[in-house]
Amino acid sequence: ILQNQAPTDFYILIEGSVDIVFTENNKEKVVGTFENAGEICGEIGVLC
């Protein structure tokens, strides 16, 4: 998922790990990591 992208889907982690990256003033910062099965990402854009 890209920041500021149109909310078309949300994803649920089954295996692996993903970083949550926030971009501000063209600077990226990792603000969190999902490593456990059942963690969800992209739901804020879809629901809100």
All heavy atoms as atom14 arrays in JSON, in Angstrom:
{
  "sequence": "ILQNQAPTDFYILIEGSVDIVFTENNKEKVVGTFENAGEICGEIGVLC",
  "atom14_mask": [
    [1, 1, 1, 1, 1, 1, 1, 1, 0, 0, 0, 0, 0, 0],
    [1, 1, 1, 1, 1, 1, 1, 1, 0, 0, 0, 0, 0, 0],
    [1, 1, 1, 1, 1, 1, 1, 1, 1, 0, 0, 0, 0, 0],
    [1, 1, 1, 1, 1, 1, 1, 1, 0, 0, 0, 0, 0, 0],
    [1, 1, 1, 1, 1, 1, 1, 1, 1, 0, 0, 0, 0, 0],
    [1, 1, 1, 1, 1, 0, 0, 0, 0, 0, 0, 0, 0, 0],
    [1, 1, 1, 1, 1, 1, 1, 0, 0, 0, 0, 0, 0, 0],
    [1, 1, 1, 1, 1, 1, 1, 0, 0, 0, 0, 0, 0, 0],
    [1, 1, 1, 1, 1, 1, 1, 1, 0, 0, 0, 0, 0, 0],
    [1, 1, 1, 1, 1, 1, 1, 1, 1, 1, 1, 0, 0, 0],
    [1, 1, 1, 1, 1, 1, 1, 1, 1, 1, 1, 1, 0, 0],
    [1, 1, 1, 1, 1, 1, 1, 1, 0, 0, 0, 0, 0, 0],
    [1, 1, 1, 1, 1, 1, 1, 1, 0, 0, 0, 0, 0, 0],
    [1, 1, 1, 1, 1, 1, 1, 1, 0, 0, 0, 0, 0, 0],
    [1, 1, 1, 1, 1, 1, 1, 1, 1, 0, 0, 0, 0, 0],
    [1, 1, 1, 1, 0, 0, 0, 0, 0, 0, 0, 0, 0, 0],
    [1, 1, 1, 1, 1, 1, 0, 0, 0, 0, 0, 0, 0, 0],
    [1, 1, 1, 1, 1, 1, 1, 0, 0, 0, 0, 0, 0, 0],
    [1, 1, 1, 1, 1, 1, 1, 1, 0, 0, 0, 0, 0, 0],
    [1, 1, 1, 1, 1, 1, 1, 1, 0, 0, 0, 0, 0, 0],
    [1, 1, 1, 1, 1, 1, 1, 0, 0, 0, 0, 0, 0, 0],
    [1, 1, 1, 1, 1, 1, 1, 1, 1, 1, 1, 0, 0, 0],
    [1, 1, 1, 1, 1, 1, 1, 0, 0, 0, 0, 0, 0, 0],
    [1, 1, 1, 1, 1, 1, 1, 1, 1, 0, 0, 0, 0, 0],
    [1, 1, 1, 1, 1, 1, 1, 1, 0, 0, 0, 0, 0, 0],
    [1, 1, 1, 1, 1, 1, 1, 1, 0, 0, 0, 0, 0, 0],
    [1, 1, 1, 1, 1, 1, 1, 1, 1, 0, 0, 0, 0, 0],
    [1, 1, 1, 1, 1, 1, 1, 1, 1, 0, 0, 0, 0, 0],
    [1, 1, 1, 1, 1, 1, 1, 1, 1, 0, 0, 0, 0, 0],
    [1, 1, 1, 1, 1, 1, 1, 0, 0, 0, 0, 0, 0, 0],
    [1, 1, 1, 1, 1, 1, 1, 0, 0, 0, 0, 0, 0, 0],
    [1, 1, 1, 1, 0, 0, 0, 0, 0, 0, 0, 0, 0, 0],
    [1, 1, 1, 1, 1, 1, 1, 0, 0, 0, 0, 0, 0, 0],
    [1, 1, 1, 1, 1, 1, 1, 1, 1, 1, 1, 0, 0, 0],
    [1, 1, 1, 1, 1, 1, 1, 1, 1, 0, 0, 0, 0, 0],
    [1, 1, 1, 1, 1, 1, 1, 1, 0, 0, 0, 0, 0, 0],
    [1, 1, 1, 1, 1, 0, 0, 0, 0, 0, 0, 0, 0, 0],
    [1, 1, 1, 1, 0, 0, 0, 0, 0, 0, 0, 0, 0, 0],
    [1, 1, 1, 1, 1, 1, 1, 1, 1, 0, 0, 0, 0, 0],
    [1, 1, 1, 1, 1, 1, 1, 1, 0, 0, 0, 0, 0, 0],
    [1, 1, 1, 1, 1, 1, 0, 0, 0, 0, 0, 0, 0, 0],
    [1, 1, 1, 1, 0, 0, 0, 0, 0, 0, 0, 0, 0, 0],
    [1, 1, 1, 1, 1, 1, 1, 1, 1, 0, 0, 0, 0, 0],
    [1, 1, 1, 1, 1, 1, 1, 1, 0, 0, 0, 0, 0, 0],
    [1, 1, 1, 1, 0, 0, 0, 0, 0, 0, 0, 0, 0, 0],
    [1, 1, 1, 1, 1, 1, 1, 0, 0, 0, 0, 0, 0, 0],
    [1, 1, 1, 1, 1, 1, 1, 1, 0, 0, 0, 0, 0, 0],
    [1, 1, 1, 1, 1, 1, 0, 0, 0, 0, 0, 0, 0, 0]
  ],
  "atom14_positions": [
    [[0.87, -1.18, 0.0], [0.0, 0.0, 0.0], [0.9, 1.23, 0.0], [1.93, 1.25, 0.68], [-0.93, 0.01, 1.23], [-1.9, -1.18, 1.18], [-1.7, 1.32, 1.32], [-2.74, -1.32, 2.43], [0.0, 0.0, 0.0], [0.0, 0.0, 0.0], [0.0, 0.0, 0.0], [0.0, 0.0, 0.0], [0.0, 0.0, 0.0], [0.0, 0.0, 0.0]],
    [[0.52, 2.25, -0.75], [1.27, 3.5, -0.77], [0.53, 4.57, 0.01], [-0.71, 4.66, -0.05], [1.47, 3.97, -2.22], [2.41, 3.14, -3.09], [2.41, 3.68, -4.52], [3.83, 3.13, -2.53], [0.0, 0.0, 0.0], [0.0, 0.0, 0.0], [0.0, 0.0, 0.0], [0.0, 0.0, 0.0], [0.0, 0.0, 0.0], [0.0, 0.0, 0.0]],
    [[1.26, 5.38, 0.74], [0.65, 6.49, 1.47], [-0.03, 7.45, 0.5], [0.49, 7.75, -0.57], [1.73, 7.22, 2.27], [1.2, 8.32, 3.18], [2.28, 8.9, 4.05], [3.23, 8.21, 4.41], [2.15, 10.18, 4.39], [0.0, 0.0, 0.0], [0.0, 0.0, 0.0], [0.0, 0.0, 0.0], [0.0, 0.0, 0.0], [0.0, 0.0, 0.0]],
    [[-1.24, 7.88, 0.88], [-2.09, 8.79, 0.08], [-2.7, 8.1, -1.14], [-3.31, 8.77, -1.99], [-1.32, 10.03, -0.36], [-0.86, 10.87, 0.81], [-1.58, 10.99, 1.81], [0.33, 11.44, 0.72], [0.0, 0.0, 0.0], [0.0, 0.0, 0.0], [0.0, 0.0, 0.0], [0.0, 0.0, 0.0], [0.0, 0.0, 0.0], [0.0, 0.0, 0.0]],
    [[-2.54, 6.77, -1.23], [-3.18, 6.02, -2.31], [-4.68, 5.9, -2.05], [-5.13, 5.89, -0.89], [-2.55, 4.63, -2.41], [-3.07, 3.78, -3.55], [-2.45, 2.38, -3.51], [-2.18, 1.85, -2.43], [-2.21, 1.81, -4.67], [0.0, 0.0, 0.0], [0.0, 0.0, 0.0], [0.0, 0.0, 0.0], [0.0, 0.0, 0.0], [0.0, 0.0, 0.0]],
    [[-5.47, 5.82, -3.1], [-6.91, 5.63, -2.94], [-7.18, 4.3, -2.24], [-6.55, 3.29, -2.55], [-7.61, 5.66, -4.3], [0.0, 0.0, 0.0], [0.0, 0.0, 0.0], [0.0, 0.0, 0.0], [0.0, 0.0, 0.0], [0.0, 0.0, 0.0], [0.0, 0.0, 0.0], [0.0, 0.0, 0.0], [0.0, 0.0, 0.0], [0.0, 0.0, 0.0]],
    [[-8.1, 4.28, -1.28], [-8.34, 3.06, -0.49], [-9.18, 2.05, -1.25], [-10.42, 2.12, -1.25], [-9.08, 3.59, 0.75], [-9.8, 4.8, 0.25], [-8.94, 5.41, -0.82], [0.0, 0.0, 0.0], [0.0, 0.0, 0.0], [0.0, 0.0, 0.0], [0.0, 0.0, 0.0], [0.0, 0.0, 0.0], [0.0, 0.0, 0.0], [0.0, 0.0, 0.0]],
    [[-8.53, 1.11, -1.9], [-9.25, 0.09, -2.68], [-9.28, -1.27, -2.0], [-10.17, -2.07, -2.25], [-8.62, -0.07, -4.07], [-7.23, -0.4, -3.9], [-8.72, 1.22, -4.86], [0.0, 0.0, 0.0], [0.0, 0.0, 0.0], [0.0, 0.0, 0.0], [0.0, 0.0, 0.0], [0.0, 0.0, 0.0], [0.0, 0.0, 0.0], [0.0, 0.0, 0.0]],
    [[-8.29, -1.55, -1.12], [-8.2, -2.87, -0.49], [-7.59, -2.72, 0.9], [-6.88, -1.74, 1.2], [-7.3, -3.82, -1.3], [-7.72, -3.93, -2.75], [-8.65, -4.69, -3.04], [-7.1, -3.23, -3.58], [0.0, 0.0, 0.0], [0.0, 0.0, 0.0], [0.0, 0.0, 0.0], [0.0, 0.0, 0.0], [0.0, 0.0, 0.0], [0.0, 0.0, 0.0]],
    [[-7.87, -3.7, 1.75], [-7.09, -3.86, 2.97], [-6.58, -5.3, 3.04], [-7.11, -6.19, 2.39], [-7.87, -3.47, 4.24], [-9.1, -4.3, 4.53], [-9.0, -5.55, 5.16], [-10.36, -3.83, 4.21], [-10.12, -6.29, 5.44], [-11.49, -4.57, 4.49], [-11.37, -5.82, 5.1], [0.0, 0.0, 0.0], [0.0, 0.0, 0.0], [0.0, 0.0, 0.0]],
    [[-5.51, -5.5, 3.81], [-4.78, -6.77, 3.8], [-4.63, -7.31, 5.21], [-4.43, -6.55, 6.16], [-3.38, -6.58, 3.18], [-3.4, -6.17, 1.73], [-3.53, -4.83, 1.37], [-3.28, -7.12, 0.71], [-3.55, -4.45, 0.04], [-3.28, -6.75, -0.62], [-3.43, -5.41, -0.95], [-3.43, -5.05, -2.26], [0.0, 0.0, 0.0], [0.0, 0.0, 0.0]],
    [[-4.68, -8.64, 5.31], [-4.47, -9.34, 6.58], [-3.24, -10.22, 6.44], [-3.13, -11.01, 5.5], [-5.7, -10.2, 6.95], [-6.93, -9.32, 7.12], [-5.42, -11.0, 8.23], [-8.22, -10.09, 7.33], [0.0, 0.0, 0.0], [0.0, 0.0, 0.0], [0.0, 0.0, 0.0], [0.0, 0.0, 0.0], [0.0, 0.0, 0.0], [0.0, 0.0, 0.0]],
    [[-2.29, -10.05, 7.35], [-1.03, -10.79, 7.3], [-1.24, -12.25, 7.68], [-1.84, -12.54, 8.73], [0.0, -10.14, 8.23], [1.4, -10.75, 8.24], [2.08, -10.57, 6.88], [2.25, -10.13, 9.34], [0.0, 0.0, 0.0], [0.0, 0.0, 0.0], [0.0, 0.0, 0.0], [0.0, 0.0, 0.0], [0.0, 0.0, 0.0], [0.0, 0.0, 0.0]],
    [[-0.75, -13.16, 6.85], [-0.79, -14.6, 7.13], [0.6, -15.11, 7.52], [0.77, -15.74, 8.56], [-1.32, -15.4, 5.92], [-2.72, -14.91, 5.54], [-1.36, -16.9, 6.24], [-3.75, -15.07, 6.63], [0.0, 0.0, 0.0], [0.0, 0.0, 0.0], [0.0, 0.0, 0.0], [0.0, 0.0, 0.0], [0.0, 0.0, 0.0], [0.0, 0.0, 0.0]],
    [[1.6, -14.82, 6.7], [2.98, -15.18, 7.0], [3.9, -14.06, 6.51], [3.58, -13.36, 5.55], [3.39, -16.49, 6.31], [2.78, -17.73, 6.92], [3.36, -19.0, 6.32], [4.36, -18.91, 5.58], [2.81, -20.08, 6.59], [0.0, 0.0, 0.0], [0.0, 0.0, 0.0], [0.0, 0.0, 0.0], [0.0, 0.0, 0.0], [0.0, 0.0, 0.0]],
    [[5.05, -13.92, 7.2], [6.01, -12.91, 6.82], [5.97, -11.72, 7.77], [5.53, -11.81, 8.92], [0.0, 0.0, 0.0], [0.0, 0.0, 0.0], [0.0, 0.0, 0.0], [0.0, 0.0, 0.0], [0.0, 0.0, 0.0], [0.0, 0.0, 0.0], [0.0, 0.0, 0.0], [0.0, 0.0, 0.0], [0.0, 0.0, 0.0], [0.0, 0.0, 0.0]],
    [[6.42, -10.58, 7.31], [6.42, -9.36, 8.11], [6.44, -8.15, 7.19], [6.98, -8.21, 6.07], [7.64, -9.32, 9.05], [8.84, -9.36, 8.31], [0.0, 0.0, 0.0], [0.0, 0.0, 0.0], [0.0, 0.0, 0.0], [0.0, 0.0, 0.0], [0.0, 0.0, 0.0], [0.0, 0.0, 0.0], [0.0, 0.0, 0.0], [0.0, 0.0, 0.0]],
    [[5.82, -7.04, 7.67], [5.75, -5.81, 6.89], [6.08, -4.63, 7.79], [5.86, -4.67, 9.02], [4.36, -5.61, 6.25], [4.03, -6.74, 5.29], [3.27, -5.5, 7.32], [0.0, 0.0, 0.0], [0.0, 0.0, 0.0], [0.0, 0.0, 0.0], [0.0, 0.0, 0.0], [0.0, 0.0, 0.0], [0.0, 0.0, 0.0], [0.0, 0.0, 0.0]],
    [[6.62, -3.58, 7.19], [6.91, -2.33, 7.89], [5.82, -1.32, 7.6], [5.29, -1.24, 6.49], [8.26, -1.76, 7.44], [9.44, -2.52, 8.03], [9.28, -3.09, 9.12], [10.52, -2.54, 7.4], [0.0, 0.0, 0.0], [0.0, 0.0, 0.0], [0.0, 0.0, 0.0], [0.0, 0.0, 0.0], [0.0, 0.0, 0.0], [0.0, 0.0, 0.0]],
    [[5.51, -0.51, 8.64], [4.58, 0.61, 8.49], [5.43, 1.86, 8.34], [6.16, 2.24, 9.27], [3.64, 0.73, 9.7], [2.95, -0.61, 9.96], [2.61, 1.83, 9.48], [2.19, -0.65, 11.27], [0.0, 0.0, 0.0], [0.0, 0.0, 0.0], [0.0, 0.0, 0.0], [0.0, 0.0, 0.0], [0.0, 0.0, 0.0], [0.0, 0.0, 0.0]],
    [[5.36, 2.48, 7.18], [6.25, 3.61, 6.86], [5.41, 4.88, 6.71], [4.41, 4.9, 5.98], [7.04, 3.33, 5.56], [7.99, 4.49, 5.26], [7.8, 2.02, 5.68], [0.0, 0.0, 0.0], [0.0, 0.0, 0.0], [0.0, 0.0, 0.0], [0.0, 0.0, 0.0], [0.0, 0.0, 0.0], [0.0, 0.0, 0.0], [0.0, 0.0, 0.0]],
    [[5.84, 5.94, 7.41], [5.18, 7.23, 7.3], [6.13, 8.22, 6.65], [7.29, 8.35, 7.05], [4.76, 7.75, 8.68], [4.05, 9.07, 8.64], [2.77, 9.17, 8.13], [4.66, 10.23, 9.12], [2.1, 10.39, 8.1], [4.02, 11.44, 9.09], [2.72, 11.53, 8.58], [0.0, 0.0, 0.0], [0.0, 0.0, 0.0], [0.0, 0.0, 0.0]],
    [[5.67, 8.89, 5.6], [6.49, 9.84, 4.86], [6.03, 11.26, 5.15], [4.84, 11.58, 5.0], [6.42, 9.57, 3.35], [6.81, 8.22, 3.09], [7.34, 10.51, 2.59], [0.0, 0.0, 0.0], [0.0, 0.0, 0.0], [0.0, 0.0, 0.0], [0.0, 0.0, 0.0], [0.0, 0.0, 0.0], [0.0, 0.0, 0.0], [0.0, 0.0, 0.0]],
    [[6.97, 12.11, 5.56], [6.68, 13.51, 5.85], [7.87, 14.35, 5.39], [9.01, 14.07, 5.76], [6.42, 13.7, 7.34], [5.92, 15.1, 7.68], [5.54, 15.23, 9.15], [5.97, 14.36, 9.95], [4.84, 16.17, 9.5], [0.0, 0.0, 0.0], [0.0, 0.0, 0.0], [0.0, 0.0, 0.0], [0.0, 0.0, 0.0], [0.0, 0.0, 0.0]],
    [[7.59, 15.34, 4.57], [8.64, 16.19, 4.02], [9.67, 15.37, 3.25], [10.88, 15.6, 3.37], [9.32, 17.0, 5.12], [8.35, 17.94, 5.82], [7.43, 18.48, 5.2], [8.55, 18.13, 7.13], [0.0, 0.0, 0.0], [0.0, 0.0, 0.0], [0.0, 0.0, 0.0], [0.0, 0.0, 0.0], [0.0, 0.0, 0.0], [0.0, 0.0, 0.0]],
    [[9.17, 14.38, 2.49], [10.01, 13.5, 1.67], [10.98, 12.67, 2.49], [11.98, 12.17, 1.96], [10.79, 14.33, 0.64], [9.88, 14.99, -0.38], [8.87, 14.42, -0.77], [10.25, 16.2, -0.8], [0.0, 0.0, 0.0], [0.0, 0.0, 0.0], [0.0, 0.0, 0.0], [0.0, 0.0, 0.0], [0.0, 0.0, 0.0], [0.0, 0.0, 0.0]],
    [[10.72, 12.5, 3.76], [11.54, 11.67, 4.63], [10.71, 10.51, 5.16], [9.63, 10.72, 5.71], [12.11, 12.48, 5.8], [13.1, 13.55, 5.37], [13.68, 14.28, 6.58], [14.7, 15.33, 6.16], [15.27, 16.04, 7.33], [0.0, 0.0, 0.0], [0.0, 0.0, 0.0], [0.0, 0.0, 0.0], [0.0, 0.0, 0.0], [0.0, 0.0, 0.0]],
    [[11.22, 9.29, 4.95], [10.51, 8.1, 5.4], [10.92, 7.73, 6.82], [12.09, 7.85, 7.19], [10.8, 6.92, 4.47], [10.19, 7.06, 3.08], [10.34, 5.78, 2.28], [11.09, 4.9, 2.73], [9.72, 5.68, 1.2], [0.0, 0.0, 0.0], [0.0, 0.0, 0.0], [0.0, 0.0, 0.0], [0.0, 0.0, 0.0], [0.0, 0.0, 0.0]],
    [[9.94, 7.25, 7.58], [10.2, 6.8, 8.94], [9.37, 5.56, 9.21], [8.15, 5.57, 8.99], [9.84, 7.9, 9.95], [10.09, 7.5, 11.39], [9.69, 8.61, 12.35], [9.91, 8.18, 13.8], [9.48, 9.24, 14.76], [0.0, 0.0, 0.0], [0.0, 0.0, 0.0], [0.0, 0.0, 0.0], [0.0, 0.0, 0.0], [0.0, 0.0, 0.0]],
    [[10.02, 4.5, 9.66], [9.32, 3.27, 10.02], [8.72, 3.45, 11.4], [9.44, 3.58, 12.4], [10.26, 2.06, 9.98], [9.51, 0.79, 10.41], [10.85, 1.87, 8.59], [0.0, 0.0, 0.0], [0.0, 0.0, 0.0], [0.0, 0.0, 0.0], [0.0, 0.0, 0.0], [0.0, 0.0, 0.0], [0.0, 0.0, 0.0], [0.0, 0.0, 0.0]],
    [[7.4, 3.48, 11.47], [6.72, 3.74, 12.75], [6.18, 2.46, 13.38], [5.64, 2.5, 14.49], [5.57, 4.74, 12.54], [6.12, 6.08, 12.08], [4.55, 4.21, 11.54], [0.0, 0.0, 0.0], [0.0, 0.0, 0.0], [0.0, 0.0, 0.0], [0.0, 0.0, 0.0], [0.0, 0.0, 0.0], [0.0, 0.0, 0.0], [0.0, 0.0, 0.0]],
    [[6.31, 1.34, 12.72], [5.83, 0.09, 13.29], [6.12, -1.08, 12.37], [6.49, -0.9, 11.2], [0.0, 0.0, 0.0], [0.0, 0.0, 0.0], [0.0, 0.0, 0.0], [0.0, 0.0, 0.0], [0.0, 0.0, 0.0], [0.0, 0.0, 0.0], [0.0, 0.0, 0.0], [0.0, 0.0, 0.0], [0.0, 0.0, 0.0], [0.0, 0.0, 0.0]],
    [[5.94, -2.27, 12.89], [6.16, -3.49, 12.13], [5.1, -4.52, 12.49], [4.78, -4.7, 13.67], [7.56, -4.09, 12.42], [8.56, -3.13, 12.09], [7.79, -5.34, 11.61], [0.0, 0.0, 0.0], [0.0, 0.0, 0.0], [0.0, 0.0, 0.0], [0.0, 0.0, 0.0], [0.0, 0.0, 0.0], [0.0, 0.0, 0.0], [0.0, 0.0, 0.0]],
    [[4.54, -5.16, 11.48], [3.6, -6.26, 11.68], [4.33, -7.56, 11.39], [4.87, -7.75, 10.3], [2.4, -6.13, 10.75], [1.48, -5.0, 11.12], [0.62, -4.45, 10.18], [1.45, -4.49, 12.41], [-0.23, -3.41, 10.5], [0.6, -3.46, 12.75], [-0.24, -2.91, 11.8], [0.0, 0.0, 0.0], [0.0, 0.0, 0.0], [0.0, 0.0, 0.0]],
    [[4.36, -8.47, 12.37], [5.05, -9.74, 12.21], [4.18, -10.93, 12.56], [4.58, -12.08, 12.35], [6.32, -9.78, 13.08], [7.34, -8.73, 12.73], [8.57, -8.78, 13.61], [8.41, -8.96, 14.84], [9.68, -8.65, 13.08], [0.0, 0.0, 0.0], [0.0, 0.0, 0.0], [0.0, 0.0, 0.0], [0.0, 0.0, 0.0], [0.0, 0.0, 0.0]],
    [[3.01, -10.69, 13.12], [2.15, -11.77, 13.59], [0.96, -11.97, 12.67], [0.39, -11.0, 12.13], [1.66, -11.46, 15.01], [2.8, -11.27, 15.98], [3.77, -12.03, 15.97], [2.71, -10.25, 16.82], [0.0, 0.0, 0.0], [0.0, 0.0, 0.0], [0.0, 0.0, 0.0], [0.0, 0.0, 0.0], [0.0, 0.0, 0.0], [0.0, 0.0, 0.0]],
    [[0.6, -13.24, 12.48], [-0.57, -13.55, 11.67], [-1.8, -12.91, 12.29], [-2.0, -12.94, 13.51], [-0.74, -15.06, 11.56], [0.0, 0.0, 0.0], [0.0, 0.0, 0.0], [0.0, 0.0, 0.0], [0.0, 0.0, 0.0], [0.0, 0.0, 0.0], [0.0, 0.0, 0.0], [0.0, 0.0, 0.0], [0.0, 0.0, 0.0], [0.0, 0.0, 0.0]],
    [[-2.64, -12.3, 11.44], [-3.87, -11.68, 11.92], [-3.79, -10.17, 12.05], [-4.8, -9.52, 12.33], [0.0, 0.0, 0.0], [0.0, 0.0, 0.0], [0.0, 0.0, 0.0], [0.0, 0.0, 0.0], [0.0, 0.0, 0.0], [0.0, 0.0, 0.0], [0.0, 0.0, 0.0], [0.0, 0.0, 0.0], [0.0, 0.0, 0.0], [0.0, 0.0, 0.0]],
    [[-2.6, -9.6, 11.82], [-2.49, -8.14, 11.86], [-2.95, -7.58, 10.53], [-2.69, -8.15, 9.47], [-1.06, -7.72, 12.17], [-0.65, -8.11, 13.6], [0.71, -7.6, 13.99], [1.69, -8.12, 13.44], [0.79, -6.69, 14.84], [0.0, 0.0, 0.0], [0.0, 0.0, 0.0], [0.0, 0.0, 0.0], [0.0, 0.0, 0.0], [0.0, 0.0, 0.0]],
    [[-3.65, -6.44, 10.59], [-4.32, -5.9, 9.42], [-3.73, -4.54, 9.06], [-3.3, -3.78, 9.93], [-5.85, -5.78, 9.7], [-6.6, -5.38, 8.43], [-6.12, -4.81, 10.83], [-8.12, -5.43, 8.58], [0.0, 0.0, 0.0], [0.0, 0.0, 0.0], [0.0, 0.0, 0.0], [0.0, 0.0, 0.0], [0.0, 0.0, 0.0], [0.0, 0.0, 0.0]],
    [[-3.7, -4.25, 7.77], [-3.19, -2.97, 7.3], [-4.06, -2.46, 6.16], [-4.64, -3.25, 5.41], [-1.73, -3.09, 6.84], [-1.41, -4.42, 5.67], [0.0, 0.0, 0.0], [0.0, 0.0, 0.0], [0.0, 0.0, 0.0], [0.0, 0.0, 0.0], [0.0, 0.0, 0.0], [0.0, 0.0, 0.0], [0.0, 0.0, 0.0], [0.0, 0.0, 0.0]],
    [[-4.18, -1.13, 6.05], [-5.0, -0.52, 5.02], [-6.45, -0.35, 5.4], [-7.23, 0.22, 4.63], [0.0, 0.0, 0.0], [0.0, 0.0, 0.0], [0.0, 0.0, 0.0], [0.0, 0.0, 0.0], [0.0, 0.0, 0.0], [0.0, 0.0, 0.0], [0.0, 0.0, 0.0], [0.0, 0.0, 0.0], [0.0, 0.0, 0.0], [0.0, 0.0, 0.0]],
    [[-6.82, -0.8, 6.61], [-8.22, -0.75, 7.0], [-8.68, 0.68, 7.31], [-9.87, 1.01, 7.16], [-8.47, -1.66, 8.21], [-8.05, -1.12, 9.58], [-6.55, -1.14, 9.81], [-5.8, -1.47, 8.88], [-6.13, -0.82, 10.93], [0.0, 0.0, 0.0], [0.0, 0.0, 0.0], [0.0, 0.0, 0.0], [0.0, 0.0, 0.0], [0.0, 0.0, 0.0]],
    [[-7.75, 1.54, 7.74], [-8.13, 2.91, 8.1], [-8.64, 3.65, 6.87], [-9.68, 4.32, 6.91], [-6.93, 3.64, 8.73], [-6.53, 2.96, 10.04], [-7.26, 5.11, 8.97], [-5.31, 3.55, 10.69], [0.0, 0.0, 0.0], [0.0, 0.0, 0.0], [0.0, 0.0, 0.0], [0.0, 0.0, 0.0], [0.0, 0.0, 0.0], [0.0, 0.0, 0.0]],
    [[-7.91, 3.53, 5.75], [-8.35, 4.2, 4.54], [-9.68, 3.68, 4.04], [-10.55, 4.46, 3.61], [0.0, 0.0, 0.0], [0.0, 0.0, 0.0], [0.0, 0.0, 0.0], [0.0, 0.0, 0.0], [0.0, 0.0, 0.0], [0.0, 0.0, 0.0], [0.0, 0.0, 0.0], [0.0, 0.0, 0.0], [0.0, 0.0, 0.0], [0.0, 0.0, 0.0]],
    [[-9.89, 2.37, 4.09], [-11.13, 1.76, 3.57], [-12.32, 2.15, 4.44], [-13.37, 2.57, 3.93], [-10.98, 0.23, 3.49], [-12.31, -0.42, 3.16], [-9.94, -0.14, 2.44], [0.0, 0.0, 0.0], [0.0, 0.0, 0.0], [0.0, 0.0, 0.0], [0.0, 0.0, 0.0], [0.0, 0.0, 0.0], [0.0, 0.0, 0.0], [0.0, 0.0, 0.0]],
    [[-12.19, 2.03, 5.76], [-13.33, 2.27, 6.65], [-13.63, 3.75, 6.83], [-14.78, 4.14, 7.0], [-13.06, 1.62, 8.01], [-12.9, 0.09, 8.0], [-12.67, -0.44, 9.4], [-14.11, -0.58, 7.38], [0.0, 0.0, 0.0], [0.0, 0.0, 0.0], [0.0, 0.0, 0.0], [0.0, 0.0, 0.0], [0.0, 0.0, 0.0], [0.0, 0.0, 0.0]],
    [[-12.57, 4.58, 6.83], [-12.78, 6.02, 7.02], [-12.96, 6.76, 5.69], [-13.14, 7.98, 5.69], [-11.6, 6.62, 7.77], [-11.41, 5.97, 9.46], [0.0, 0.0, 0.0], [0.0, 0.0, 0.0], [0.0, 0.0, 0.0], [0.0, 0.0, 0.0], [0.0, 0.0, 0.0], [0.0, 0.0, 0.0], [0.0, 0.0, 0.0], [0.0, 0.0, 0.0]]
  ]
}
